[in-house]
PDB file of all heavy atoms in Angstrom:
ATOM      1  N   ASP A   1     -17.599  16.980 -13.059  1.00  0.00           N
ATOM      2  CA  ASP A   1     -17.707  15.583 -12.619  1.00  0.00           C
ATOM      3  C   ASP A   1     -16.401  14.847 -12.826  1.00  0.00           C
ATOM      4  O   ASP A   1     -15.961  14.091 -11.974  1.00  0.00           O
ATOM      5  CB  ASP A   1     -18.834  14.868 -13.369  1.00  0.00           C
ATOM      6  CG  ASP A   1     -20.204  15.362 -12.936  1.00  0.00           C
ATOM      7  OD1 ASP A   1     -20.303  15.956 -11.834  1.00  0.00           O
ATOM      8  OD2 ASP A   1     -21.181  15.153 -13.698  1.00  0.00           O
ATOM      9  N   PHE A   2     -15.754  15.071 -13.993  1.00  0.00           N
ATOM     10  CA  PHE A   2     -14.483  14.427 -14.250  1.00  0.00           C
ATOM     11  C   PHE A   2     -13.405  14.927 -13.299  1.00  0.00           C
ATOM     12  O   PHE A   2     -12.576  14.162 -12.854  1.00  0.00           O
ATOM     13  CB  PHE A   2     -14.032  14.647 -15.705  1.00  0.00           C
ATOM     14  CG  PHE A   2     -14.798  13.829 -16.687  1.00  0.00           C
ATOM     15  CD1 PHE A   2     -15.451  14.422 -17.748  1.00  0.00           C
ATOM     16  CD2 PHE A   2     -14.890  12.449 -16.554  1.00  0.00           C
ATOM     17  CE1 PHE A   2     -16.165  13.673 -18.643  1.00  0.00           C
ATOM     18  CE2 PHE A   2     -15.601  11.689 -17.451  1.00  0.00           C
ATOM     19  CZ  PHE A   2     -16.231  12.299 -18.514  1.00  0.00           C
ATOM     20  N   ALA A   3     -13.422  16.201 -12.984  1.00  0.00           N
ATOM     21  CA  ALA A   3     -12.435  16.761 -12.060  1.00  0.00           C
ATOM     22  C   ALA A   3     -12.624  16.169 -10.667  1.00  0.00           C
ATOM     23  O   ALA A   3     -11.653  15.839  -9.984  1.00  0.00           O
ATOM     24  CB  ALA A   3     -12.550  18.278 -12.015  1.00  0.00           C
ATOM     25  N   ASP A   4     -13.886  15.995 -10.241  1.00  0.00           N
ATOM     26  CA  ASP A   4     -14.157  15.382  -8.934  1.00  0.00           C
ATOM     27  C   ASP A   4     -13.676  13.938  -8.912  1.00  0.00           C
ATOM     28  O   ASP A   4     -13.113  13.473  -7.927  1.00  0.00           O
ATOM     29  CB  ASP A   4     -15.637  15.457  -8.609  1.00  0.00           C
ATOM     30  CG  ASP A   4     -16.112  16.874  -8.306  1.00  0.00           C
ATOM     31  OD1 ASP A   4     -15.245  17.732  -8.023  1.00  0.00           O
ATOM     32  OD2 ASP A   4     -17.333  17.116  -8.393  1.00  0.00           O
ATOM     33  N   ALA A   5     -13.925  13.218 -10.005  1.00  0.00           N
ATOM     34  CA  ALA A   5     -13.498  11.817 -10.080  1.00  0.00           C
ATOM     35  C   ALA A   5     -11.977  11.706 -10.074  1.00  0.00           C
ATOM     36  O   ALA A   5     -11.406  10.830  -9.429  1.00  0.00           O
ATOM     37  CB  ALA A   5     -14.065  11.165 -11.328  1.00  0.00           C
ATOM     38  N   ASP A   6     -11.316  12.627 -10.786  1.00  0.00           N
ATOM     39  CA  ASP A   6      -9.851  12.628 -10.803  1.00  0.00           C
ATOM     40  C   ASP A   6      -9.289  12.937  -9.422  1.00  0.00           C
ATOM     41  O   ASP A   6      -8.320  12.334  -8.969  1.00  0.00           O
ATOM     42  CB  ASP A   6      -9.310  13.630 -11.816  1.00  0.00           C
ATOM     43  CG  ASP A   6      -9.550  13.182 -13.253  1.00  0.00           C
ATOM     44  OD1 ASP A   6      -9.802  11.979 -13.469  1.00  0.00           O
ATOM     45  OD2 ASP A   6      -9.485  14.057 -14.149  1.00  0.00           O
ATOM     46  N   ALA A   7      -9.899  13.874  -8.722  1.00  0.00           N
ATOM     47  CA  ALA A   7      -9.439  14.235  -7.384  1.00  0.00           C
ATOM     48  C   ALA A   7      -9.648  13.073  -6.420  1.00  0.00           C
ATOM     49  O   ALA A   7      -8.777  12.791  -5.583  1.00  0.00           O
ATOM     50  CB  ALA A   7     -10.182  15.468  -6.890  1.00  0.00           C
ATOM     51  N   ALA A   8     -10.767  12.375  -6.536  1.00  0.00           N
ATOM     52  CA  ALA A   8     -11.030  11.233  -5.661  1.00  0.00           C
ATOM     53  C   ALA A   8     -10.046  10.103  -5.950  1.00  0.00           C
ATOM     54  O   ALA A   8      -9.541   9.457  -5.024  1.00  0.00           O
ATOM     55  CB  ALA A   8     -12.467  10.742  -5.855  1.00  0.00           C
ATOM     56  N   ALA A   9      -9.751   9.866  -7.231  1.00  0.00           N
ATOM     57  CA  ALA A   9      -8.794   8.823  -7.577  1.00  0.00           C
ATOM     58  C   ALA A   9      -7.401   9.176  -7.075  1.00  0.00           C
ATOM     59  O   ALA A   9      -6.665   8.313  -6.590  1.00  0.00           O
ATOM     60  CB  ALA A   9      -8.775   8.615  -9.098  1.00  0.00           C
ATOM     61  N   ALA A  10      -7.017  10.442  -7.175  1.00  0.00           N
ATOM     62  CA  ALA A  10      -5.708  10.864  -6.691  1.00  0.00           C
ATOM     63  C   ALA A  10      -5.619  10.713  -5.183  1.00  0.00           C
ATOM     64  O   ALA A  10      -4.593  10.283  -4.644  1.00  0.00           O
ATOM     65  CB  ALA A  10      -5.441  12.317  -7.092  1.00  0.00           C
ATOM     66  N   ALA A  11      -6.692  11.024  -4.467  1.00  0.00           N
ATOM     67  CA  ALA A  11      -6.699  10.877  -3.021  1.00  0.00           C
ATOM     68  C   ALA A  11      -6.606   9.399  -2.633  1.00  0.00           C
ATOM     69  O   ALA A  11      -5.902   9.041  -1.681  1.00  0.00           O
ATOM     70  CB  ALA A  11      -7.952  11.488  -2.421  1.00  0.00           C
ATOM     71  N   ALA A  12      -7.297   8.534  -3.371  1.00  0.00           N
ATOM     72  CA  ALA A  12      -7.234   7.093  -3.085  1.00  0.00           C
ATOM     73  C   ALA A  12      -5.836   6.548  -3.357  1.00  0.00           C
ATOM     74  O   ALA A  12      -5.324   5.731  -2.588  1.00  0.00           O
ATOM     75  CB  ALA A  12      -8.273   6.346  -3.919  1.00  0.00           C
ATOM     76  N   ASP A  13      -5.215   7.002  -4.445  1.00  0.00           N
ATOM     77  CA  ASP A  13      -3.851   6.571  -4.740  1.00  0.00           C
ATOM     78  C   ASP A  13      -2.882   7.023  -3.674  1.00  0.00           C
ATOM     79  O   ASP A  13      -1.977   6.273  -3.259  1.00  0.00           O
ATOM     80  CB  ASP A  13      -3.391   7.114  -6.100  1.00  0.00           C
ATOM     81  CG  ASP A  13      -4.095   6.425  -7.266  1.00  0.00           C
ATOM     82  OD1 ASP A  13      -4.653   5.322  -7.043  1.00  0.00           O
ATOM     83  OD2 ASP A  13      -4.076   6.980  -8.370  1.00  0.00           O
ATOM     84  N   ALA A  14      -3.035   8.237  -3.180  1.00  0.00           N
ATOM     85  CA  ALA A  14      -2.153   8.747  -2.126  1.00  0.00           C
ATOM     86  C   ALA A  14      -2.342   7.935  -0.842  1.00  0.00           C
ATOM     87  O   ALA A  14      -1.364   7.610  -0.159  1.00  0.00           O
ATOM     88  CB  ALA A  14      -2.434  10.222  -1.859  1.00  0.00           C
ATOM     89  N   ALA A  15      -3.575   7.580  -0.520  1.00  0.00           N
ATOM     90  CA  ALA A  15      -3.827   6.784   0.678  1.00  0.00           C
ATOM     91  C   ALA A  15      -3.227   5.386   0.524  1.00  0.00           C
ATOM     92  O   ALA A  15      -2.672   4.837   1.476  1.00  0.00           O
ATOM     93  CB  ALA A  15      -5.320   6.691   0.952  1.00  0.00           C
ATOM     94  N   ASP A  16      -3.343   4.790  -0.681  1.00  0.00           N
ATOM     95  CA  ASP A  16      -2.757   3.474  -0.925  1.00  0.00           C
ATOM     96  C   ASP A  16      -1.235   3.516  -0.791  1.00  0.00           C
ATOM     97  O   ASP A  16      -0.625   2.608  -0.247  1.00  0.00           O
ATOM     98  CB  ASP A  16      -3.136   2.962  -2.307  1.00  0.00           C
ATOM     99  CG  ASP A  16      -4.576   2.508  -2.386  1.00  0.00           C
ATOM    100  OD1 ASP A  16      -5.181   2.290  -1.299  1.00  0.00           O
ATOM    101  OD2 ASP A  16      -5.095   2.383  -3.499  1.00  0.00           O
ATOM    102  N   GLU A  17      -0.616   4.587  -1.313  1.00  0.00           N
ATOM    103  CA  GLU A  17       0.828   4.703  -1.219  1.00  0.00           C
ATOM    104  C   GLU A  17       1.269   4.836   0.232  1.00  0.00           C
ATOM    105  O   GLU A  17       2.278   4.268   0.632  1.00  0.00           O
ATOM    106  CB  GLU A  17       1.327   5.895  -2.033  1.00  0.00           C
ATOM    107  CG  GLU A  17       1.266   5.672  -3.532  1.00  0.00           C
ATOM    108  CD  GLU A  17       1.682   6.891  -4.323  1.00  0.00           C
ATOM    109  OE1 GLU A  17       2.234   7.820  -3.721  1.00  0.00           O
ATOM    110  OE2 GLU A  17       1.465   6.900  -5.538  1.00  0.00           O
ATOM    111  N   GLU A  18       0.509   5.583   1.035  1.00  0.00           N
ATOM    112  CA  GLU A  18       0.851   5.724   2.440  1.00  0.00           C
ATOM    113  C   GLU A  18       0.752   4.380   3.149  1.00  0.00           C
ATOM    114  O   GLU A  18       1.621   4.009   3.940  1.00  0.00           O
ATOM    115  CB  GLU A  18      -0.067   6.731   3.126  1.00  0.00           C
ATOM    116  CG  GLU A  18       0.218   8.169   2.749  1.00  0.00           C
ATOM    117  CD  GLU A  18      -0.772   9.132   3.375  1.00  0.00           C
ATOM    118  OE1 GLU A  18      -1.537   8.716   4.268  1.00  0.00           O
ATOM    119  OE2 GLU A  18      -0.776  10.306   2.969  1.00  0.00           O
ATOM    120  N   CYS A  19      -0.300   3.617   2.856  1.00  0.00           N
ATOM    121  CA  CYS A  19      -0.455   2.306   3.478  1.00  0.00           C
ATOM    122  C   CYS A  19       0.649   1.370   3.005  1.00  0.00           C
ATOM    123  O   CYS A  19       1.194   0.598   3.805  1.00  0.00           O
ATOM    124  CB  CYS A  19      -1.827   1.705   3.131  1.00  0.00           C
ATOM    125  SG  CYS A  19      -3.178   2.531   3.965  1.00  0.00           S
ATOM    126  N   ASP A  20       0.968   1.411   1.716  1.00  0.00           N
ATOM    127  CA  ASP A  20       2.026   0.557   1.193  1.00  0.00           C
ATOM    128  C   ASP A  20       3.363   0.897   1.826  1.00  0.00           C
ATOM    129  O   ASP A  20       4.152   0.017   2.141  1.00  0.00           O
ATOM    130  CB  ASP A  20       2.111   0.681  -0.332  1.00  0.00           C
ATOM    131  CG  ASP A  20       0.920   0.064  -1.026  1.00  0.00           C
ATOM    132  OD1 ASP A  20       0.202  -0.720  -0.378  1.00  0.00           O
ATOM    133  OD2 ASP A  20       0.706   0.354  -2.214  1.00  0.00           O
ATOM    134  N   GLN A  21       3.642   2.167   2.020  1.00  0.00           N
ATOM    135  CA  GLN A  21       4.911   2.573   2.598  1.00  0.00           C
ATOM    136  C   GLN A  21       5.004   2.181   4.055  1.00  0.00           C
ATOM    137  O   GLN A  21       6.070   1.844   4.550  1.00  0.00           O
ATOM    138  CB  GLN A  21       5.119   4.071   2.430  1.00  0.00           C
ATOM    139  CG  GLN A  21       5.363   4.477   0.996  1.00  0.00           C
ATOM    140  CD  GLN A  21       5.376   5.986   0.825  1.00  0.00           C
ATOM    141  OE1 GLN A  21       5.131   6.718   1.757  1.00  0.00           O
ATOM    142  NE2 GLN A  21       5.660   6.433  -0.389  1.00  0.00           N
ATOM    143  N   GLU A  22       3.885   2.215   4.771  1.00  0.00           N
ATOM    144  CA  GLU A  22       3.897   1.861   6.188  1.00  0.00           C
ATOM    145  C   GLU A  22       4.124   0.373   6.397  1.00  0.00           C
ATOM    146  O   GLU A  22       4.839  -0.017   7.303  1.00  0.00           O
ATOM    147  CB  GLU A  22       2.558   2.220   6.833  1.00  0.00           C
ATOM    148  CG  GLU A  22       2.405   3.689   7.137  1.00  0.00           C
ATOM    149  CD  GLU A  22       1.077   3.953   7.829  1.00  0.00           C
ATOM    150  OE1 GLU A  22       0.598   3.075   8.554  1.00  0.00           O
ATOM    151  OE2 GLU A  22       0.541   5.055   7.623  1.00  0.00           O
ATOM    152  N   TYR A  23       3.551  -0.470   5.562  1.00  0.00           N
ATOM    153  CA  TYR A  23       3.543  -1.897   5.836  1.00  0.00           C
ATOM    154  C   TYR A  23       4.404  -2.719   4.896  1.00  0.00           C
ATOM    155  O   TYR A  23       4.524  -3.918   5.093  1.00  0.00           O
ATOM    156  CB  TYR A  23       2.105  -2.413   5.784  1.00  0.00           C
ATOM    157  CG  TYR A  23       1.224  -1.767   6.815  1.00  0.00           C
ATOM    158  CD1 TYR A  23       0.245  -0.862   6.454  1.00  0.00           C
ATOM    159  CD2 TYR A  23       1.397  -2.037   8.161  1.00  0.00           C
ATOM    160  CE1 TYR A  23      -0.559  -0.253   7.407  1.00  0.00           C
ATOM    161  CE2 TYR A  23       0.601  -1.430   9.118  1.00  0.00           C
ATOM    162  CZ  TYR A  23      -0.374  -0.554   8.733  1.00  0.00           C
ATOM    163  OH  TYR A  23      -1.156   0.046   9.673  1.00  0.00           O
ATOM    164  N   ASP A  24       4.984  -2.144   3.880  1.00  0.00           N
ATOM    165  CA  ASP A  24       5.758  -2.926   2.922  1.00  0.00           C
ATOM    166  C   ASP A  24       6.926  -3.643   3.576  1.00  0.00           C
ATOM    167  O   ASP A  24       7.098  -4.832   3.400  1.00  0.00           O
ATOM    168  CB  ASP A  24       6.261  -2.049   1.780  1.00  0.00           C
ATOM    169  CG  ASP A  24       5.271  -1.940   0.659  1.00  0.00           C
ATOM    170  OD1 ASP A  24       4.327  -2.738   0.643  1.00  0.00           O
ATOM    171  OD2 ASP A  24       5.452  -1.067  -0.204  1.00  0.00           O
ATOM    172  N   TYR A  25       7.748  -2.921   4.300  1.00  0.00           N
ATOM    173  CA  TYR A  25       8.931  -3.521   4.898  1.00  0.00           C
ATOM    174  C   TYR A  25       8.578  -4.582   5.921  1.00  0.00           C
ATOM    175  O   TYR A  25       9.139  -5.667   5.951  1.00  0.00           O
ATOM    176  CB  TYR A  25       9.807  -2.428   5.532  1.00  0.00           C
ATOM    177  CG  TYR A  25      11.055  -2.983   6.146  1.00  0.00           C
ATOM    178  CD1 TYR A  25      12.104  -3.405   5.336  1.00  0.00           C
ATOM    179  CD2 TYR A  25      11.177  -3.116   7.514  1.00  0.00           C
ATOM    180  CE1 TYR A  25      13.250  -3.941   5.891  1.00  0.00           C
ATOM    181  CE2 TYR A  25      12.313  -3.646   8.081  1.00  0.00           C
ATOM    182  CZ  TYR A  25      13.354  -4.064   7.273  1.00  0.00           C
ATOM    183  OH  TYR A  25      14.477  -4.587   7.817  1.00  0.00           O
ATOM    184  N   GLU A  26       7.597  -4.266   6.769  1.00  0.00           N
ATOM    185  CA  GLU A  26       7.182  -5.206   7.806  1.00  0.00           C
ATOM    186  C   GLU A  26       6.552  -6.460   7.204  1.00  0.00           C
ATOM    187  O   GLU A  26       6.848  -7.573   7.639  1.00  0.00           O
ATOM    188  CB  GLU A  26       6.194  -4.505   8.742  1.00  0.00           C
ATOM    189  CG  GLU A  26       5.875  -5.290   9.992  1.00  0.00           C
ATOM    190  CD  GLU A  26       7.044  -5.377  10.950  1.00  0.00           C
ATOM    191  OE1 GLU A  26       7.882  -4.460  10.957  1.00  0.00           O
ATOM    192  OE2 GLU A  26       7.125  -6.378  11.665  1.00  0.00           O
ATOM    193  N   ASP A  27       5.710  -6.300   6.204  1.00  0.00           N
ATOM    194  CA  ASP A  27       5.079  -7.452   5.561  1.00  0.00           C
ATOM    195  C   ASP A  27       6.097  -8.304   4.832  1.00  0.00           C
ATOM    196  O   ASP A  27       6.025  -9.532   4.858  1.00  0.00           O
ATOM    197  CB  ASP A  27       3.992  -6.998   4.595  1.00  0.00           C
ATOM    198  CG  ASP A  27       2.763  -6.474   5.304  1.00  0.00           C
ATOM    199  OD1 ASP A  27       2.607  -6.762   6.510  1.00  0.00           O
ATOM    200  OD2 ASP A  27       1.971  -5.773   4.665  1.00  0.00           O
ATOM    201  N   ALA A  28       7.045  -7.672   4.163  1.00  0.00           N
ATOM    202  CA  ALA A  28       8.070  -8.416   3.433  1.00  0.00           C
ATOM    203  C   ALA A  28       8.945  -9.209   4.399  1.00  0.00           C
ATOM    204  O   ALA A  28       9.286 -10.373   4.138  1.00  0.00           O
ATOM    205  CB  ALA A  28       8.917  -7.461   2.606  1.00  0.00           C
ATOM    206  N   ARG A  29       9.291  -8.601   5.516  1.00  0.00           N
ATOM    207  CA  ARG A  29      10.116  -9.286   6.504  1.00  0.00           C
ATOM    208  C   ARG A  29       9.379 -10.472   7.086  1.00  0.00           C
ATOM    209  O   ARG A  29       9.925 -11.564   7.250  1.00  0.00           O
ATOM    210  CB  ARG A  29      10.526  -8.316   7.612  1.00  0.00           C
ATOM    211  CG  ARG A  29      11.509  -8.908   8.583  1.00  0.00           C
ATOM    212  CD  ARG A  29      12.063  -7.853   9.493  1.00  0.00           C
ATOM    213  NE  ARG A  29      11.004  -7.162  10.183  1.00  0.00           N
ATOM    214  CZ  ARG A  29      10.957  -7.037  11.505  1.00  0.00           C
ATOM    215  NH1 ARG A  29      11.910  -7.525  12.244  1.00  0.00           N
ATOM    216  NH2 ARG A  29       9.975  -6.389  12.089  1.00  0.00           N
ATOM    217  N   ARG A  30       8.098 -10.286   7.370  1.00  0.00           N
ATOM    218  CA  ARG A  30       7.274 -11.380   7.915  1.00  0.00           C
ATOM    219  C   ARG A  30       7.143 -12.510   6.888  1.00  0.00           C
ATOM    220  O   ARG A  30       7.212 -13.691   7.247  1.00  0.00           O
ATOM    221  CB  ARG A  30       5.893 -10.859   8.301  1.00  0.00           C
ATOM    222  CG  ARG A  30       5.060 -11.857   9.041  1.00  0.00           C
ATOM    223  CD  ARG A  30       3.723 -11.292   9.484  1.00  0.00           C
ATOM    224  NE  ARG A  30       3.888 -10.057  10.220  1.00  0.00           N
ATOM    225  CZ  ARG A  30       3.265  -8.926   9.920  1.00  0.00           C
ATOM    226  NH1 ARG A  30       2.428  -8.881   8.900  1.00  0.00           N
ATOM    227  NH2 ARG A  30       3.431  -7.843  10.630  1.00  0.00           N
ATOM    228  N   ALA A  31       6.974 -12.163   5.624  1.00  0.00           N
ATOM    229  CA  ALA A  31       6.863 -13.196   4.578  1.00  0.00           C
ATOM    230  C   ALA A  31       8.174 -13.961   4.436  1.00  0.00           C
ATOM    231  O   ALA A  31       8.164 -15.197   4.236  1.00  0.00           O
ATOM    232  CB  ALA A  31       6.469 -12.547   3.260  1.00  0.00           C
ATOM    233  N   ARG A  32       9.310 -13.264   4.510  1.00  0.00           N
ATOM    234  CA  ARG A  32      10.599 -13.947   4.416  1.00  0.00           C
ATOM    235  C   ARG A  32      10.793 -14.930   5.583  1.00  0.00           C
ATOM    236  O   ARG A  32      11.213 -16.064   5.376  1.00  0.00           O
ATOM    237  CB  ARG A  32      11.756 -12.940   4.407  1.00  0.00           C
ATOM    238  CG  ARG A  32      11.922 -12.226   3.093  1.00  0.00           C
ATOM    239  CD  ARG A  32      13.223 -11.472   3.024  1.00  0.00           C
ATOM    240  NE  ARG A  32      13.418 -10.515   4.111  1.00  0.00           N
ATOM    241  CZ  ARG A  32      13.038  -9.254   4.074  1.00  0.00           C
ATOM    242  NH1 ARG A  32      12.447  -8.784   3.005  1.00  0.00           N
ATOM    243  NH2 ARG A  32      13.272  -8.449   5.097  1.00  0.00           N
ATOM    244  N   TRP A  33      10.484 -14.473   6.787  1.00  0.00           N
ATOM    245  CA  TRP A  33      10.638 -15.342   7.957  1.00  0.00           C
ATOM    246  C   TRP A  33       9.697 -16.551   7.869  1.00  0.00           C
ATOM    247  O   TRP A  33      10.080 -17.665   8.208  1.00  0.00           O
ATOM    248  CB  TRP A  33      10.356 -14.563   9.244  1.00  0.00           C
ATOM    249  CG  TRP A  33      11.537 -13.809   9.730  1.00  0.00           C
ATOM    250  CD1 TRP A  33      11.778 -12.487   9.588  1.00  0.00           C
ATOM    251  CD2 TRP A  33      12.662 -14.346  10.428  1.00  0.00           C
ATOM    252  NE1 TRP A  33      12.974 -12.148  10.151  1.00  0.00           N
ATOM    253  CE2 TRP A  33      13.545 -13.288  10.684  1.00  0.00           C
ATOM    254  CE3 TRP A  33      13.004 -15.616  10.864  1.00  0.00           C
ATOM    255  CZ2 TRP A  33      14.739 -13.455  11.352  1.00  0.00           C
ATOM    256  CZ3 TRP A  33      14.200 -15.789  11.540  1.00  0.00           C
ATOM    257  CH2 TRP A  33      15.049 -14.713  11.772  1.00  0.00           C
ATOM    258  N   THR A  34       8.475 -16.311   7.432  1.00  0.00           N
ATOM    259  CA  THR A  34       7.504 -17.408   7.312  1.00  0.00           C
ATOM    260  C   THR A  34       7.940 -18.430   6.284  1.00  0.00           C
ATOM    261  O   THR A  34       7.888 -19.640   6.535  1.00  0.00           O
ATOM    262  CB  THR A  34       6.107 -16.849   6.957  1.00  0.00           C
ATOM    263  OG1 THR A  34       5.719 -15.910   7.949  1.00  0.00           O
ATOM    264  CG2 THR A  34       5.085 -17.951   6.855  1.00  0.00           C
ATOM    265  N   ALA A  35       8.390 -17.970   5.118  1.00  0.00           N
ATOM    266  CA  ALA A  35       8.835 -18.890   4.066  1.00  0.00           C
ATOM    267  C   ALA A  35      10.064 -19.670   4.527  1.00  0.00           C
ATOM    268  O   ALA A  35      10.177 -20.884   4.280  1.00  0.00           O
ATOM    269  CB  ALA A  35       9.127 -18.127   2.783  1.00  0.00           C
ATOM    270  N   THR A  36      10.987 -18.989   5.196  1.00  0.00           N
ATOM    271  CA  THR A  36      12.206 -19.663   5.655  1.00  0.00           C
ATOM    272  C   THR A  36      11.894 -20.690   6.741  1.00  0.00           C
ATOM    273  O   THR A  36      12.380 -21.837   6.680  1.00  0.00           O
ATOM    274  CB  THR A  36      13.208 -18.619   6.191  1.00  0.00           C
ATOM    275  OG1 THR A  36      13.449 -17.658   5.163  1.00  0.00           O
ATOM    276  CG2 THR A  36      14.500 -19.263   6.600  1.00  0.00           C
ATOM    277  N   ALA A  37      11.098 -20.308   7.717  1.00  0.00           N
ATOM    278  CA  ALA A  37      10.775 -21.221   8.810  1.00  0.00           C
ATOM    279  C   ALA A  37       9.964 -22.425   8.319  1.00  0.00           C
ATOM    280  O   ALA A  37      10.220 -23.570   8.710  1.00  0.00           O
ATOM    281  CB  ALA A  37      10.008 -20.484   9.898  1.00  0.00           C
ATOM    282  N   THR A  38       9.009 -22.171   7.442  1.00  0.00           N
ATOM    283  CA  THR A  38       8.189 -23.272   6.929  1.00  0.00           C
ATOM    284  C   THR A  38       9.027 -24.222   6.091  1.00  0.00           C
ATOM    285  O   THR A  38       8.889 -25.444   6.184  1.00  0.00           O
ATOM    286  CB  THR A  38       7.014 -22.716   6.099  1.00  0.00           C
ATOM    287  OG1 THR A  38       6.279 -21.806   6.906  1.00  0.00           O
ATOM    288  CG2 THR A  38       6.105 -23.821   5.620  1.00  0.00           C
TER     289      THR A  38
END
């Protein structure tokens, strides 16, 4: 049970890292433009 939970947590962390890597630069750039324009 612990091994299954660890594997599920590792898979979730890997998915989060992939999402973070895909959108980090784009989101940061959008936030900079929004803060500057506002």
